């Protein structure tokens, strides 16, 4: 009976080990996806900032032309 209990416990531990391994891989995949999303968001924010600055310069140039034209 002790041997059977040990074998059953061993099987459960192996199954749990597989679950843990899968969860670790999933966690790694999610961390990678998050890092990718953060990088894309950062790039998009930079592009928005650059476009906003260009627009402000164009508006300032346009106002200067209107004032002197």
C-alpha atoms as a PDB file:
ATOM      1  CA  UNK A   1       0.000   0.000   0.000  1.00  0.00           C
ATOM      2  CA  UNK A   2       2.823   2.427   0.790  1.00  0.00           C
ATOM      3  CA  UNK A   3       4.407   1.812  -2.606  1.00  0.00           C
ATOM      4  CA  UNK A   4       1.090   2.455  -4.363  1.00  0.00           C
ATOM      5  CA  UNK A   5       0.594   5.669  -2.397  1.00  0.00           C
ATOM      6  CA  UNK A   6       4.121   6.745  -3.267  1.00  0.00           C
ATOM      7  CA  UNK A   7       3.552   5.994  -6.963  1.00  0.00           C
ATOM      8  CA  UNK A   8       0.258   7.915  -6.945  1.00  0.00           C
ATOM      9  CA  UNK A   9       1.905  10.870  -5.223  1.00  0.00           C
ATOM     10  CA  UNK A  10       4.783  10.721  -7.685  1.00  0.00           C
ATOM     11  CA  UNK A  11       2.354  10.816 -10.625  1.00  0.00           C
ATOM     12  CA  UNK A  12       0.566  13.806  -9.123  1.00  0.00           C
ATOM     13  CA  UNK A  13       3.875  15.598  -8.629  1.00  0.00           C
ATOM     14  CA  UNK A  14       4.836  14.937 -12.238  1.00  0.00           C
ATOM     15  CA  UNK A  15       1.473  16.290 -13.395  1.00  0.00           C
ATOM     16  CA  UNK A  16       1.898  19.383 -11.226  1.00  0.00           C
ATOM     17  CA  UNK A  17       5.387  19.846 -12.607  1.00  0.00           C
ATOM     18  CA  UNK A  18       3.947  19.838 -16.136  1.00  0.00           C
ATOM     19  CA  UNK A  19       1.309  22.389 -15.129  1.00  0.00           C
ATOM     20  CA  UNK A  20       3.951  24.623 -13.541  1.00  0.00           C
ATOM     21  CA  UNK A  21       6.161  24.350 -16.626  1.00  0.00           C
ATOM     22  CA  UNK A  22       3.204  25.334 -18.815  1.00  0.00           C
ATOM     23  CA  UNK A  23       2.343  28.271 -16.567  1.00  0.00           C
ATOM     24  CA  UNK A  24       5.933  29.478 -16.643  1.00  0.00           C
ATOM     25  CA  UNK A  25       5.950  29.349 -20.434  1.00  0.00           C
ATOM     26  CA  UNK A  26       2.629  31.167 -20.590  1.00  0.00           C
ATOM     27  CA  UNK A  27       3.973  33.804 -18.184  1.00  0.00           C
ATOM     28  CA  UNK A  28       7.060  34.223 -20.343  1.00  0.00           C
ATOM     29  CA  UNK A  29       4.920  34.572 -23.471  1.00  0.00           C
ATOM     30  CA  UNK A  30       2.697  37.156 -21.773  1.00  0.00           C
ATOM     31  CA  UNK A  31       5.708  39.142 -20.552  1.00  0.00           C
ATOM     32  CA  UNK A  32       7.101  39.177 -24.083  1.00  0.00           C
ATOM     33  CA  UNK A  33       3.745  40.287 -25.505  1.00  0.00           C
ATOM     34  CA  UNK A  34       3.522  43.038 -22.879  1.00  0.00           C
ATOM     35  CA  UNK A  35       7.041  44.263 -23.652  1.00  0.00           C
ATOM     36  CA  UNK A  36       6.211  44.314 -27.364  1.00  0.00           C
ATOM     37  CA  UNK A  37       2.995  46.237 -26.724  1.00  0.00           C
ATOM     38  CA  UNK A  38       4.800  48.716 -24.479  1.00  0.00           C
ATOM     39  CA  UNK A  39       7.438  49.303 -27.165  1.00  0.00           C
ATOM     40  CA  UNK A  40       4.768  49.858 -29.829  1.00  0.00           C
ATOM     41  CA  UNK A  41       2.910  52.243 -27.516  1.00  0.00           C
ATOM     42  CA  UNK A  42       6.110  54.155 -26.802  1.00  0.00           C
ATOM     43  CA  UNK A  43       6.834  54.418 -30.547  1.00  0.00           C
ATOM     44  CA  UNK A  44       3.290  55.591 -31.269  1.00  0.00           C
ATOM     45  CA  UNK A  45       3.488  58.198 -28.512  1.00  0.00           C
ATOM     46  CA  UNK A  46       6.803  59.435 -29.932  1.00  0.00           C
ATOM     47  CA  UNK A  47       5.279  59.738 -33.408  1.00  0.00           C
ATOM     48  CA  UNK A  48       2.297  61.615 -31.974  1.00  0.00           C
ATOM     49  CA  UNK A  49       4.616  63.977 -30.107  1.00  0.00           C
ATOM     50  CA  UNK A  50       6.695  64.609 -33.231  1.00  0.00           C
ATOM     51  CA  UNK A  51       3.578  65.259 -35.322  1.00  0.00           C
ATOM     52  CA  UNK A  52       2.238  67.615 -32.666  1.00  0.00           C
ATOM     53  CA  UNK A  53       5.510  69.545 -32.621  1.00  0.00           C
ATOM     54  CA  UNK A  54       5.523  69.782 -36.433  1.00  0.00           C
ATOM     55  CA  UNK A  55       1.936  71.016 -36.395  1.00  0.00           C
ATOM     56  CA  UNK A  56       2.772  73.641 -33.774  1.00  0.00           C
ATOM     57  CA  UNK A  57       5.713  74.841 -35.902  1.00  0.00           C
ATOM     58  CA  UNK A  58       3.523  74.999 -39.014  1.00  0.00           C
ATOM     59  CA  UNK A  59       0.858  76.950 -37.155  1.00  0.00           C
ATOM     60  CA  UNK A  60       3.473  79.331 -35.773  1.00  0.00           C
ATOM     61  CA  UNK A  61       4.970  79.801 -39.256  1.00  0.00           C
ATOM     62  CA  UNK A  62       1.508  80.372 -40.705  1.00  0.00           C
ATOM     63  CA  UNK A  63       0.702  82.953 -38.033  1.00  0.00           C
ATOM     64  CA  UNK A  64       4.006  84.712 -38.698  1.00  0.00           C
ATOM     65  CA  UNK A  65       3.265  84.866 -42.432  1.00  0.00           C
ATOM     66  CA  UNK A  66      -0.249  86.188 -41.756  1.00  0.00           C
ATOM     67  CA  UNK A  67       1.130  88.871 -39.457  1.00  0.00           C
ATOM     68  CA  UNK A  68       3.778  89.998 -41.936  1.00  0.00           C
ATOM     69  CA  UNK A  69       1.911  89.330 -45.143  1.00  0.00           C
END
